[in-house]
Every structure is written in structure tokens, then in C-alpha cells.
Protein backbone atom coordinates (compact mmCIF):
# COMPACT_ATOMS: atom_id res chain seq x y z
CA MET A 1 0.00 0.00 0.00
CA ILE A 2 1.16 3.53 -0.76
CA HIS A 3 2.25 5.73 2.11
CA THR A 4 2.86 9.48 2.06
CA HIS A 5 6.63 9.06 1.94
CA PHE A 6 6.24 7.37 -1.46
CA LEU A 7 4.54 10.47 -2.87
CA GLY A 8 6.77 12.85 -4.78
CA VAL A 9 6.32 16.58 -5.30
CA LEU A 10 4.56 15.90 -8.61
CA ASP A 11 2.13 13.50 -6.91
CA TRP A 12 1.20 16.12 -4.33
CA GLY A 13 0.86 18.74 -7.05
CA ILE A 14 -1.57 16.57 -9.01
CA LEU A 15 -3.61 15.81 -5.89
CA ILE A 16 -3.89 19.52 -5.04
CA LEU A 17 -4.74 20.42 -8.66
CA TYR A 18 -7.43 17.76 -8.69
CA PHE A 19 -9.13 19.21 -5.61
CA ILE A 20 -8.96 22.73 -7.04
CA ILE A 21 -10.61 21.58 -10.29
CA LEU A 22 -13.22 19.58 -8.39
CA ILE A 23 -14.18 22.51 -6.15
CA GLY A 24 -14.23 24.80 -9.20
CA ILE A 25 -16.69 22.52 -10.98
CA GLY A 26 -18.87 22.38 -7.87
CA ILE A 27 -18.97 26.20 -7.59
CA TRP A 28 -19.69 26.55 -11.33
CA ALA A 29 -22.54 24.04 -11.16
CA SER A 30 -24.02 25.72 -8.09
CA LEU A 31 -23.93 29.12 -9.85
CA LYS A 32 -25.70 27.61 -12.85
CA ARG A 33 -28.53 26.43 -10.63
CA LYS A 34 -31.44 28.82 -10.96
CA LYS A 35 -32.35 30.70 -7.80
CA GLY A 36 -35.29 29.00 -6.08
CA SER A 37 -35.00 25.92 -8.30
CA ASN A 38 -35.21 22.30 -7.21
CA LEU A 39 -32.06 21.37 -5.32
CA PHE A 40 -32.79 17.64 -5.51
CA LEU A 41 -33.64 16.97 -9.16
CA ALA A 42 -31.41 19.51 -10.96
CA GLU A 43 -34.51 21.30 -12.34
CA ARG A 44 -35.21 18.03 -14.21
CA SER A 45 -32.60 19.11 -16.73
CA LEU A 46 -30.10 16.22 -16.86
CA ARG A 47 -29.03 14.92 -20.26
CA TRP A 48 -28.13 11.31 -21.07
CA HIS A 49 -24.39 11.68 -20.43
CA HIS A 50 -24.96 13.30 -17.01
CA ILE A 51 -27.33 10.47 -16.08
CA GLY A 52 -25.03 7.70 -17.32
CA PHE A 53 -21.90 9.01 -15.62
CA SER A 54 -23.83 9.75 -12.39
CA MET A 55 -25.32 6.26 -12.15
CA TRP A 56 -22.00 4.62 -12.98
CA GLY A 57 -20.15 6.98 -10.64
CA THR A 58 -22.50 6.19 -7.77
CA ASN A 59 -21.84 2.50 -8.38
CA VAL A 60 -18.04 2.94 -8.35
CA GLY A 61 -16.00 3.19 -5.15
CA PRO A 62 -12.49 2.37 -3.90
CA SER A 63 -13.85 -0.82 -2.38
CA MET A 64 -15.07 -1.79 -5.85
CA LEU A 65 -11.71 -0.99 -7.46
CA ILE A 66 -9.70 -2.85 -4.83
CA ALA A 67 -12.14 -5.75 -4.29
CA SER A 68 -12.69 -6.27 -8.03
CA ALA A 69 -8.94 -6.53 -8.64
CA SER A 70 -8.75 -8.93 -5.70
CA ALA A 71 -11.52 -11.06 -7.24
CA GLY A 72 -9.71 -11.00 -10.58
CA PHE A 73 -6.52 -12.18 -8.89
CA THR A 74 -8.22 -15.11 -7.13
CA THR A 75 -11.04 -16.20 -9.49
CA GLY A 76 -10.70 -14.42 -12.85
CA ILE A 77 -13.48 -12.56 -14.64
CA VAL A 78 -16.42 -14.53 -13.18
CA SER A 79 -17.24 -11.67 -10.79
CA GLY A 80 -17.86 -9.62 -13.94
CA ASN A 81 -21.40 -11.03 -13.82
CA PHE A 82 -22.18 -8.38 -11.21
CA ALA A 83 -21.41 -5.78 -13.90
CA TRP A 84 -22.49 -7.38 -17.19
CA TYR A 85 -25.66 -9.14 -16.02
CA ALA A 86 -26.82 -5.73 -14.75
CA PHE A 87 -27.78 -4.57 -18.27
CA VAL A 88 -31.00 -6.62 -18.05
CA PHE A 89 -32.16 -4.70 -14.97
CA ILE A 90 -30.96 -1.33 -16.22
CA ALA A 91 -33.16 -2.05 -19.28
CA LEU A 92 -36.04 -2.85 -16.89
CA LEU A 93 -35.48 0.58 -15.32
CA ALA A 94 -35.49 2.27 -18.75
CA PHE A 95 -38.58 0.63 -20.24
CA VAL A 96 -40.78 -0.33 -17.26
CA PHE A 97 -39.96 1.85 -14.26
CA ALA A 98 -38.73 5.13 -15.81
CA PRO A 99 -41.91 5.83 -17.84
CA ARG A 100 -43.96 5.46 -14.63
CA TYR A 101 -41.53 7.42 -12.45
CA LEU A 102 -41.41 10.33 -14.92
CA GLY A 103 -45.12 10.09 -15.69
CA THR A 104 -46.05 10.66 -12.04
CA ARG A 105 -43.48 13.51 -11.73
CA ILE A 106 -42.23 12.12 -8.42
CA THR A 107 -39.19 13.31 -6.49
CA THR A 108 -38.63 10.15 -4.44
CA LEU A 109 -39.38 6.46 -4.80
CA PRO A 110 -41.29 6.31 -1.47
CA GLU A 111 -43.53 9.00 -3.00
CA PHE A 112 -44.10 6.70 -5.99
CA MET A 113 -45.11 3.78 -3.79
CA GLY A 114 -47.34 6.18 -1.84
CA ARG A 115 -49.20 6.84 -5.09
CA ARG A 116 -49.70 3.10 -5.50
CA PHE A 117 -50.42 1.92 -1.95
CA GLY A 118 -51.09 5.02 0.17
CA GLU A 119 -49.34 7.13 2.80
CA SER A 120 -48.67 4.26 5.24
CA THR A 121 -46.49 2.53 2.62
CA ARG A 122 -44.77 5.81 1.78
CA ASN A 123 -43.85 6.40 5.44
CA ILE A 124 -42.46 2.89 5.93
CA LEU A 125 -40.50 3.05 2.69
CA ALA A 126 -39.08 6.51 3.47
CA TRP A 127 -37.54 5.36 6.75
CA TYR A 128 -36.42 2.09 5.15
CA THR A 129 -34.66 4.08 2.41
CA ILE A 130 -32.99 6.47 4.86
CA ILE A 131 -31.59 3.63 6.98
CA THR A 132 -30.40 1.79 3.85
CA ILE A 133 -28.60 4.90 2.55
CA LEU A 134 -26.96 5.57 5.92
CA ILE A 135 -25.62 2.03 6.27
CA SER A 136 -25.06 0.57 2.81
CA TRP A 137 -24.13 3.73 0.92
CA LEU A 138 -22.61 6.19 3.38
CA ALA A 139 -21.14 4.20 6.29
CA LEU A 140 -19.68 1.30 4.28
CA THR A 141 -18.33 3.65 1.59
CA LEU A 142 -16.76 5.88 4.25
CA PHE A 143 -15.29 2.82 5.94
CA ALA A 144 -13.73 1.63 2.69
CA GLY A 145 -12.43 5.09 1.89
CA GLY A 146 -11.32 5.67 5.45
CA ILE A 147 -9.11 2.59 5.33
CA LEU A 148 -7.52 3.88 2.13
CA ILE A 149 -7.01 7.45 3.40
CA ARG A 150 -5.77 6.19 6.80
CA GLN A 151 -3.16 3.93 5.20
CA ILE A 152 -1.93 6.66 2.86
CA PHE A 153 -1.89 9.66 5.19
CA ASP A 154 -1.74 7.87 8.56
CA ILE A 155 -4.72 9.68 10.11
CA PRO A 156 -7.54 8.20 12.26
CA MET A 157 -10.74 6.85 10.70
CA TRP A 158 -12.92 9.69 12.02
CA GLN A 159 -10.62 12.32 10.48
CA SER A 160 -10.60 10.43 7.16
CA SER A 161 -14.41 10.29 7.20
CA ILE A 162 -14.76 14.00 7.98
CA LEU A 163 -12.35 14.94 5.17
CA LEU A 164 -14.27 12.91 2.60
CA LEU A 165 -17.67 14.08 3.83
CA LEU A 166 -16.68 17.76 3.79
CA ILE A 167 -15.82 17.54 0.09
CA ALA A 168 -18.94 15.56 -0.85
CA ALA A 169 -21.29 17.61 1.36
CA PHE A 170 -19.99 20.83 -0.23
CA PHE A 171 -21.30 19.80 -3.67
CA THR A 172 -24.55 18.40 -2.32
CA MET A 173 -25.40 21.50 -0.27
CA ALA A 174 -24.20 24.08 -2.79
CA GLY A 175 -25.50 22.75 -6.07
CA GLY A 176 -27.63 19.71 -5.23
CA LEU A 177 -27.92 16.96 -7.81
CA LYS A 178 -26.70 19.20 -10.63
CA ALA A 179 -23.32 19.76 -8.89
CA VAL A 180 -23.05 16.02 -8.14
CA ALA A 181 -23.87 15.15 -11.75
CA TYR A 182 -21.40 17.65 -13.25
CA THR A 183 -18.54 16.53 -10.99
CA ASN A 184 -19.36 12.88 -11.74
CA VAL A 185 -18.75 13.45 -15.45
CA PHE A 186 -15.29 14.87 -14.75
CA GLN A 187 -14.41 12.22 -12.19
CA MET A 188 -15.55 9.25 -14.25
CA LEU A 189 -13.60 10.44 -17.31
CA LEU A 190 -10.53 10.66 -15.07
CA LEU A 191 -11.26 7.17 -13.71
CA ILE A 192 -11.52 5.69 -17.21
CA PHE A 193 -8.23 7.29 -18.23
CA VAL A 194 -6.24 6.10 -15.21
CA SER A 195 -7.66 2.57 -15.03
CA SER A 196 -7.33 1.96 -18.78
CA THR A 197 -3.73 3.19 -18.62
CA LEU A 198 -3.03 0.73 -15.80
CA THR A 199 -4.58 -2.17 -17.76
CA ILE A 200 -2.66 -1.32 -20.95
CA ALA A 201 0.63 -0.92 -19.04
CA GLY A 202 0.04 -4.29 -17.36
CA ILE A 203 -0.68 -6.10 -20.63
CA TYR A 204 2.45 -4.54 -22.15
CA LYS A 205 4.52 -5.67 -19.15
CA VAL A 206 3.20 -9.26 -19.44
CA GLY A 207 4.13 -9.36 -23.13
CA GLY A 208 0.76 -8.87 -24.82
CA VAL A 209 -2.68 -10.49 -24.73
CA PRO A 210 -1.51 -13.96 -25.94
CA ALA A 211 1.14 -14.07 -23.20
CA LEU A 212 -1.46 -13.06 -20.60
CA VAL A 213 -3.88 -15.78 -21.73
CA GLU A 214 -1.04 -18.32 -21.58
CA ALA A 215 0.00 -17.27 -18.07
CA ILE A 216 -3.49 -17.54 -16.52
CA PRO A 217 -5.59 -20.70 -15.81
CA ALA A 218 -8.10 -21.32 -18.63
CA ASP A 219 -11.15 -21.13 -16.35
CA TYR A 220 -10.19 -17.58 -15.36
CA TRP A 221 -11.82 -16.43 -18.63
CA ASN A 222 -15.23 -18.05 -18.00
CA LEU A 223 -18.24 -16.04 -16.82
CA PHE A 224 -20.17 -19.15 -15.80
CA ARG A 225 -18.70 -21.79 -13.51
CA PRO A 226 -20.08 -25.21 -12.49
CA ASN A 227 -22.53 -25.40 -9.60
CA THR A 228 -19.81 -27.23 -7.66
CA ASP A 229 -17.81 -23.98 -7.54
CA THR A 230 -17.97 -22.63 -3.98
CA ASP A 231 -17.57 -18.92 -4.80
CA PHE A 232 -19.45 -18.28 -8.06
CA PRO A 233 -21.70 -21.21 -9.13
CA TRP A 234 -23.82 -20.32 -12.17
CA LEU A 235 -27.32 -21.14 -10.80
CA PRO A 236 -27.22 -18.75 -7.80
CA ILE A 237 -25.98 -16.02 -10.15
CA VAL A 238 -28.80 -16.61 -12.65
CA LEU A 239 -31.53 -16.82 -9.97
CA GLY A 240 -30.16 -14.67 -7.15
CA TYR A 241 -28.62 -11.68 -8.90
CA PRO A 242 -31.99 -10.54 -10.39
CA ILE A 243 -33.28 -9.89 -6.85
CA MET A 244 -30.35 -7.59 -6.11
CA GLY A 245 -30.47 -6.21 -9.66
CA VAL A 246 -34.11 -5.09 -9.43
CA TRP A 247 -33.56 -3.50 -6.02
CA PHE A 248 -30.25 -1.85 -6.86
CA TRP A 249 -30.92 -0.56 -10.38
CA CYS A 250 -34.70 0.02 -10.31
CA THR A 251 -35.78 0.89 -6.76
CA ASP A 252 -32.78 2.37 -4.91
CA GLN A 253 -33.08 6.16 -4.54
CA SER A 254 -29.32 6.79 -4.83
CA MET A 255 -29.10 4.92 -8.13
CA VAL A 256 -32.40 6.03 -9.71
CA GLN A 257 -32.34 9.73 -8.77
CA PRO A 258 -30.43 10.86 -11.91
CA VAL A 259 -33.16 9.27 -14.06
CA LEU A 260 -35.84 11.09 -12.04
CA ALA A 261 -34.02 14.31 -12.95
CA ALA A 262 -33.97 13.55 -16.69
CA LYS A 263 -34.99 16.32 -19.08
CA ASN A 264 -37.48 13.91 -20.65
CA LEU A 265 -38.08 10.17 -21.05
CA LYS A 266 -35.78 9.90 -24.06
CA GLU A 267 -32.85 11.39 -22.12
CA GLY A 268 -33.61 9.11 -19.15
CA GLN A 269 -33.71 5.98 -21.32
CA LEU A 270 -30.56 6.98 -23.21
CA GLY A 271 -28.83 7.75 -19.90
CA ALA A 272 -29.71 4.31 -18.56
CA ASN A 273 -28.43 2.80 -21.81
CA PHE A 274 -25.17 4.72 -21.46
CA THR A 275 -24.82 3.27 -17.95
CA GLY A 276 -25.16 -0.20 -19.49
CA TRP A 277 -22.31 0.52 -21.91
CA LEU A 278 -20.15 1.93 -19.10
CA LYS A 279 -20.74 -1.24 -17.05
CA ILE A 280 -18.94 -3.20 -19.80
CA LEU A 281 -15.81 -1.30 -18.78
CA ASP A 282 -15.96 -2.73 -15.24
CA VAL A 283 -14.26 -5.95 -16.36
CA PRO A 284 -11.26 -4.46 -18.24
CA LEU A 285 -10.85 -1.49 -15.87
CA TYR A 286 -11.37 -3.11 -12.44
CA ILE A 287 -11.17 -6.92 -12.70
CA LEU A 288 -8.53 -7.38 -15.40
CA PRO A 289 -5.79 -5.55 -13.41
CA GLY A 290 -6.13 -8.30 -10.79
CA VAL A 291 -5.79 -11.02 -13.46
CA ILE A 292 -2.72 -9.26 -14.85
CA CYS A 293 -1.31 -8.97 -11.33
CA LEU A 294 -1.50 -12.77 -10.99
CA ALA A 295 0.55 -13.14 -14.18
CA LEU A 296 3.15 -10.57 -13.07
CA TYR A 297 3.27 -11.18 -9.30
CA PRO A 298 1.93 -14.72 -8.61
CA GLY A 299 3.57 -14.78 -5.18
CA LEU A 300 1.44 -11.89 -3.85
CA GLU A 301 0.16 -13.02 -0.44
CA ASN A 302 -2.73 -10.57 -0.03
CA PRO A 303 -5.07 -10.45 -3.07
CA ASP A 304 -6.62 -7.22 -1.73
CA ALA A 305 -3.30 -5.52 -2.49
CA ALA A 306 -3.43 -6.47 -6.20
CA TYR A 307 -4.64 -3.08 -7.47
CA MET A 308 -2.14 -0.98 -5.50
CA THR A 309 0.67 -3.46 -6.27
CA MET A 310 0.06 -2.81 -9.97
CA VAL A 311 0.00 0.94 -9.37
CA THR A 312 3.23 1.15 -7.37
CA ASN A 313 5.15 -1.16 -9.74
CA LEU A 314 3.93 0.08 -13.11
CA PHE A 315 3.27 3.81 -12.66
CA PRO A 316 5.93 6.55 -12.42
CA THR A 317 5.87 9.53 -10.06
CA GLY A 318 2.93 11.76 -10.90
CA MET A 319 0.71 8.92 -12.07
CA VAL A 320 0.62 7.60 -8.49
CA GLY A 321 -0.84 10.93 -7.40
CA LEU A 322 -3.36 10.71 -10.22
CA VAL A 323 -4.43 7.24 -9.04
CA LEU A 324 -5.00 8.58 -5.53
CA ALA A 325 -7.03 11.41 -7.08
CA VAL A 326 -9.14 8.82 -8.91
CA LEU A 327 -9.74 6.80 -5.73
CA VAL A 328 -10.82 9.93 -3.87
CA ALA A 329 -12.93 10.89 -6.91
CA ALA A 330 -14.77 7.58 -6.72
CA LEU A 331 -15.39 8.13 -3.02
CA VAL A 332 -16.67 11.68 -3.44
CA SER A 333 -18.92 10.56 -6.29
CA THR A 334 -20.62 7.80 -4.28
CA ILE A 335 -20.89 9.81 -1.05
CA GLY A 336 -22.21 12.89 -2.85
CA SER A 337 -24.95 10.93 -4.61
CA ALA A 338 -25.92 9.17 -1.37
CA LEU A 339 -26.08 12.43 0.62
CA ASN A 340 -28.30 14.00 -2.03
CA ALA A 341 -30.61 10.96 -2.03
CA LEU A 342 -30.78 10.97 1.80
CA SER A 343 -31.59 14.69 1.88
CA THR A 344 -34.25 14.29 -0.82
CA VAL A 345 -36.11 11.41 0.84
CA PHE A 346 -36.18 12.95 4.34
CA THR A 347 -37.10 16.45 3.16
CA MET A 348 -39.80 15.48 0.64
CA ASP A 349 -41.28 12.33 2.19
CA ILE A 350 -41.07 13.12 5.90
CA TYR A 351 -40.60 16.86 6.55
CA ALA A 352 -42.68 18.40 3.75
CA LYS A 353 -45.30 15.64 3.91
CA LYS A 354 -45.71 15.05 7.66
CA ILE A 355 -43.85 17.58 9.81
CA ASN A 356 -44.51 20.85 7.94
CA PRO A 357 -46.78 20.45 4.89
CA LEU A 358 -47.01 24.28 4.54
CA ALA A 359 -43.24 24.76 4.29
CA THR A 360 -42.08 27.23 1.64
CA HIS A 361 -39.60 26.23 -1.04
CA LYS A 362 -36.91 28.26 0.74
CA VAL A 363 -37.51 26.38 4.00
CA ILE A 364 -37.44 23.02 2.20
CA ILE A 365 -34.05 23.87 0.66
CA LYS A 366 -32.75 24.90 4.12
CA ILE A 367 -33.99 21.66 5.70
CA GLY A 368 -32.40 19.68 2.86
CA ARG A 369 -29.02 21.22 3.66
CA ILE A 370 -29.42 20.61 7.40
CA VAL A 371 -30.32 16.96 6.74
CA THR A 372 -27.21 16.63 4.59
CA LEU A 373 -25.07 17.74 7.55
CA VAL A 374 -26.93 15.59 10.09
CA GLY A 375 -26.78 12.54 7.79
CA ALA A 376 -23.05 13.11 7.38
CA LEU A 377 -22.52 13.22 11.16
CA ILE A 378 -24.60 10.07 11.76
CA SER A 379 -22.72 8.21 9.03
CA ILE A 380 -19.40 9.14 10.71
CA LEU A 381 -20.63 7.58 13.97
CA ILE A 382 -21.74 4.41 12.16
CA THR A 383 -18.38 4.27 10.33
CA ILE A 384 -16.46 4.53 13.61
CA ALA A 385 -18.66 1.75 15.06
CA ILE A 386 -17.94 -0.47 12.05
CA ASP A 387 -14.22 0.27 12.39
CA SER A 388 -14.33 -0.94 16.01
CA ILE A 389 -15.51 -4.43 14.99
CA GLN A 390 -12.61 -6.84 15.15
CA GLY A 391 -12.06 -9.80 12.86
CA LEU A 392 -14.89 -9.05 10.42
CA ASN A 393 -13.94 -8.64 6.76
CA LEU A 394 -16.68 -6.34 5.57
CA PHE A 395 -15.46 -6.35 1.98
CA ASN A 396 -16.12 -10.09 1.71
CA VAL A 397 -19.64 -9.90 3.16
CA PHE A 398 -20.73 -6.70 1.36
CA GLN A 399 -22.47 -8.48 -1.53
CA SER A 400 -24.22 -10.87 0.83
CA VAL A 401 -25.44 -7.94 2.97
CA LEU A 402 -27.02 -6.44 -0.16
CA GLY A 403 -28.54 -9.83 -0.91
CA PHE A 404 -30.47 -9.70 2.39
CA ILE A 405 -31.55 -6.05 2.00
CA ALA A 406 -32.93 -6.50 -1.53
CA PRO A 407 -35.82 -9.06 -1.38
CA PRO A 408 -38.52 -6.95 0.37
CA MET A 409 -37.99 -3.87 -1.83
CA ALA A 410 -37.77 -5.90 -5.03
CA ALA A 411 -41.00 -7.76 -4.19
CA VAL A 412 -43.01 -4.62 -3.32
CA PHE A 413 -42.01 -2.69 -6.44
CA LEU A 414 -42.47 -5.63 -8.84
CA PHE A 415 -45.88 -6.58 -7.42
CA GLY A 416 -46.90 -2.92 -7.20
CA ILE A 417 -46.38 -2.44 -10.92
CA PHE A 418 -47.14 -5.85 -12.43
CA TRP A 419 -50.07 -7.15 -10.31
CA LYS A 420 -53.07 -4.85 -9.87
CA THR A 421 -54.57 -7.08 -7.14
CA THR A 422 -51.68 -6.37 -4.74
CA THR A 423 -53.04 -4.58 -1.66
CA THR A 424 -51.62 -2.05 0.76
CA ARG A 425 -51.61 -4.60 3.60
CA ALA A 426 -49.55 -6.98 1.47
CA ALA A 427 -47.01 -4.27 0.62
CA ASN A 428 -46.71 -3.08 4.23
CA ALA A 429 -46.35 -6.65 5.49
CA ALA A 430 -43.52 -7.25 3.01
CA LEU A 431 -41.74 -4.03 4.05
CA THR A 432 -42.06 -4.75 7.79
CA PHE A 433 -42.33 -8.48 8.54
CA GLY A 434 -40.59 -9.38 5.26
CA THR A 435 -37.67 -7.12 6.14
CA VAL A 436 -37.37 -8.57 9.66
CA PHE A 437 -37.41 -12.08 8.16
CA SER A 438 -34.84 -11.25 5.46
CA ILE A 439 -32.43 -9.40 7.76
CA GLY A 440 -32.90 -12.07 10.44
CA VAL A 441 -31.86 -14.81 8.02
CA GLY A 442 -28.90 -12.63 7.04
CA ILE A 443 -27.76 -12.28 10.66
CA LEU A 444 -28.00 -16.06 11.12
CA TYR A 445 -26.08 -16.62 7.87
CA LEU A 446 -23.30 -14.10 8.55
CA TRP A 447 -22.78 -14.20 12.32
CA VAL A 448 -24.82 -16.69 14.38
CA PHE A 449 -24.30 -19.79 12.22
CA PRO A 450 -21.72 -18.52 9.71
CA ALA A 451 -21.78 -20.21 6.33
CA ASP A 452 -18.02 -20.80 6.31
CA ILE A 453 -18.51 -23.12 9.33
CA PHE A 454 -21.99 -24.57 8.73
CA ASP A 455 -22.13 -26.25 5.30
CA ALA A 456 -25.94 -26.65 5.29
CA TRP A 457 -26.44 -23.09 4.04
CA PRO A 458 -27.10 -22.58 0.31
CA HIS A 459 -25.12 -19.92 -1.58
CA PHE A 460 -26.11 -16.46 -0.33
CA MET A 461 -27.48 -15.44 -3.74
CA LEU A 462 -29.67 -18.54 -3.87
CA LEU A 463 -30.75 -17.76 -0.31
CA SER A 464 -31.73 -14.26 -1.44
CA PHE A 465 -33.87 -15.84 -4.18
CA TYR A 466 -35.57 -18.16 -1.68
CA ILE A 467 -36.35 -15.24 0.65
CA PHE A 468 -37.83 -13.32 -2.30
CA ILE A 469 -40.07 -16.31 -3.13
CA CYS A 470 -41.26 -16.52 0.51
CA ILE A 471 -42.06 -12.79 0.67
CA SER A 472 -43.79 -12.90 -2.73
CA THR A 473 -45.90 -15.88 -1.65
CA GLY A 474 -46.92 -13.99 1.49
CA MET A 475 -47.92 -10.95 -0.59
CA VAL A 476 -50.08 -13.09 -2.89
CA ILE A 477 -51.84 -14.78 0.03
CA ILE A 478 -52.49 -11.52 1.92
CA SER A 479 -53.73 -9.77 -1.23
CA LEU A 480 -56.15 -12.58 -2.09
CA LEU A 481 -57.50 -12.81 1.49
CA ASP A 482 -57.74 -9.04 1.99
CA ARG A 483 -61.49 -8.31 1.82
CA ASN A 484 -61.07 -4.58 2.49
CA PRO A 485 -58.12 -3.40 0.38
CA GLU A 486 -56.96 0.10 1.29
CA GLY A 487 -56.12 2.93 -1.06
CA ASN A 488 -56.70 3.27 -4.78
CA PRO A 489 -54.69 0.65 -6.67
CA LEU A 490 -52.52 1.83 -9.54
CA ARG A 491 -52.81 5.56 -9.02
CA ILE A 492 -49.79 5.66 -11.30
CA GLU A 493 -49.60 7.63 -14.52
CA LYS A 494 -47.45 6.29 -17.31
CA ILE A 495 -45.76 9.01 -19.32
CA THR A 496 -47.41 9.63 -22.68
CA GLU A 497 -44.12 10.20 -24.50
CA LYS A 498 -43.41 7.30 -26.84
CA THR A 499 -40.10 5.47 -26.79
CA SER A 500 -38.02 6.81 -29.68
CA LYS A 501 -36.52 4.65 -32.43
CA LEU A 502 -33.04 5.80 -31.35
CA VAL A 503 -33.63 4.46 -27.81
CA ILE A 504 -34.85 1.10 -29.14
CA SER A 505 -31.89 0.89 -31.53
CA VAL A 506 -29.17 1.59 -28.94
CA TRP A 507 -30.74 -0.85 -26.49
CA ALA A 508 -30.97 -3.56 -29.16
CA LEU A 509 -27.30 -2.96 -29.99
CA LEU A 510 -26.32 -3.20 -26.31
CA ALA A 511 -28.25 -6.47 -25.95
CA ILE A 512 -26.46 -7.95 -28.99
CA VAL A 513 -23.06 -6.92 -27.63
CA MET A 514 -23.79 -8.33 -24.15
CA ILE A 515 -25.05 -11.66 -25.53
CA GLY A 516 -21.94 -11.82 -27.72
CA LEU A 517 -19.67 -11.21 -24.70
CA TYR A 518 -21.36 -13.98 -22.71
CA ILE A 519 -21.03 -16.42 -25.61
CA TYR A 520 -17.39 -15.50 -26.18
CA PHE A 521 -16.36 -15.79 -22.52
CA ASN A 522 -18.03 -19.16 -22.02
CA GLY A 523 -16.37 -20.94 -24.90
CA ASN A 524 -14.19 -23.21 -22.77
């Protein structure tokens, strides 16, 4: 791992220049925001490239860079399923969810479910979303980034967290989603440049693509592995990932918010499509460096060090500083998007709806900024608590944690849109009792009877699928037995704008490319 004494004058200069540019973009974006305009949805003005880079940027973090390279080092490209399989659910967002989200002119996803099932569902979902953002987006991202910053600059976790939050909160409070979106474009372009340079330098060092293929086990290039594989069997991926995919790409406020801010449906659908193309880059930019590291440094004891081992051995002075800038960029991008989503949900679904329905726009903006600060402080406390846990590798359990968060949300949104008979009681039962059941199974799986000791557990992704089936069955039974359904089912307006031929064409092209990639990388 890099330490400050490895950084040259040029490295420090690049880091400082990066922060100056980043702050400049944030100020420029905040000045462009019209006075009195919507802080949360960027005046519904985002174009396709802002949406694509924002969604991809929210999805990218240092933990993803480091953990993906580690996965590449130990198992090859099979973990690329988490990136490439996602295009199916991003398409679901574009063609099924986005027309309904934009048609109802909602600001938050709890508001959308409130239209479908009533205020009780909206309240439950608002608090559910806030807690999810605080833990899965802010605290875990800060923890991952805090480890990185602490190891580089040798400062405590709480100081690392405050430093990262100050930068991200600045953009969120000053310019709202527009500032976050504009900085994401700059940061993701920088990320693509640095990571692609690292991959190309690594392939050159190995001796070219044929030499790399020769140096790596043949099964490292397969996306699907036998069901006997303990880490990535194909059936749990095929059945289990869709549950996480629907939740993550279609119903999570942090991910979907850029689409809610689209200028129109066409821009939203093109932005989602652009995200799908960017996800293709996850394998060559994040996973392949780990595969290359195995070819160059097979004796590396800690796979988690694969990414930084490549950086320190292949990059000259100056480029190391640029890599650190990229890692911080990824952190700021994710944290900024999460803070904006947190502020939006609390302000619009709880404060303006329940606490002070007569609040003026000026007051709502003020509350949004206060919530950003409060959310940042709470996330620091959660991060410090996570840091105090001994012996728990949170990077390894992160995907499984998501697998236990996803089933209730995925079930409620899918049934809410696709089955008119679904009742409010069924939705609320899924969000309350279903969540307790899902999280409870997760606690048993991860801590009480850990899967690495008790072999009776199925793969966590298959377990996520089973939980989804149980919750869905419960929703069907409750809906059919509910003699007094509450609310007005399907108070949801679908946008009248037709899907353009350009949107259909680019999505068809993406589908062809993705199917081709899966066929090519399962030839052995």
C-alpha cells in the first residue's frame, strides 16, 4: 500500500490540482442552478451523459476498485457477472420503471409507492430508504475510503471520514444533484483514463494479450462456472442476482435519482443505456488488473493488495498521485450521490409531507441542507462503530449484505407495478415483517451460524432468491384474502411520450453486444 513518503512533489501537485478543479466545478454548477429551483432533481434538466456518468459513478468506489482486482486475482473474470448481467435490470429501469416514475413527476421512490399503496407505505418506505442509505451507501463507503485514506496519510478513521464528507457535502449542499452530476462526469472520465492506462501498461509488461492468456488458468476467462464452484456457481448467479439487480438498479433512490431528474423520457432511457455501456468497462478497468497482477506477481500473499501493487510497480511519479485522485474521486462521487438521495427522501417524504406540509420552497431547501449535515454526522458515527468491529472482513460480506436487503424492496415494487390485485396490507407486510425475516436470516447466515462453518447453508445469492419467493408468496396470500383493500390501486400515470426509435436501436445494440460477450467468454 502507498504511504505518504512514497509520494513525490509531482504526486502532491496533481492531488492539489485535482481538488482545485473539483471545487471549481462544484462552484460553477451551483452558480448555474437557478435561484429557487429544485435542489434535488437539478430542475429536471439532466441529459443522457450526465445520467449515465452519475449512475455509474454512484456504483463505483475504492472498495469496488480494490475488491474487483482482488476477485480478478483469485477467481478471474467470473465476478464480472455483477457488472455485465446488470444490463437486463438497467433495461427494466429504462422501459418499465422510468416511464412510470417520470409520468407521475415524483421526487422520491417512497412517493411513488405512496401513489400506488397510500401514505402508510410511503412512510415505511421513506424510513427504510434512509436507513439503507446511511448504512449501505454512506457508512460502508466511508469505511472503505477511510481505510484507504488512513493507510496513505496515517490519520484516524474519524478524520478520514470527515475529510471525505466535507468535500462531498460541499457539492450536495451548494448545487444539489446538478453539482453532483457535473462533478461525476469529470471524475468518471478521469477514472476511465487512469484505469485503462493501468490495464494497458500491465498487458504490455506481461508481453501482450496472448502471453497473458497463456499465463493464466483457462477457467479464469469463463463467466459461468459449475454449480460445484464454492464462490461463483452459475445457478445462484442466474436466480439470485436478479433480486439484487431489481432492487439496486430500479428501486434504490441513490441509483435512480439521476433518471428522475432527466430532461425527458428519451434522455432518461438513453442515460440508462449509457450506464449499461459503461458497465462493460468494469471488467477491463477493475477486474482485469487483478488477473494481470496474478501473471506478473503470482507470489502476492494478499489479493486485496493487487490493485495498488500494480500501481506502485507500473506507474511513475505523478501517475501515483493521479491514481489517488481517482480513488478519492470515486469516493466523493458515491458519497455525494448518497447524501443527495438521503436529503431528498427525508425532506420530501417526511418533513414536507408530515412535519410541515405548509413549508415554503426556501424552507425546504434549508432543511435539505441541514439533513445533509446531520446525515453526514450520523454516518461518521456508524463508520467509527464499524471500524471498532474486530475480525470481520466487511469487503467479503458486502455483496451478501445487499442480498439480504434486496428481497422486500424488489418484491413490493415488482408486485406494485405488475399485479393490480396487490393490496396495501400486502405491501406493508412485506416491508415490515418481510424485512425482519430477510435481515434475520442474514444475521444467522453471517454471524450466528456462519456459512463458512456450517455447510448446510445454500449460496447467499440462492438464499436471497428463496427469501424473495417466501415474501412474494406472502404478498399473494395476503392480497387474495384481503377483503377490504386500502387505497386506490394503480394511481400511477405512465408518461405519454413514446419510446423513440433511437432508444430502441441503442438498447438492441447493447443487448447484442452483451449476448456476444457472454457467448465468447463461455467458450471453454
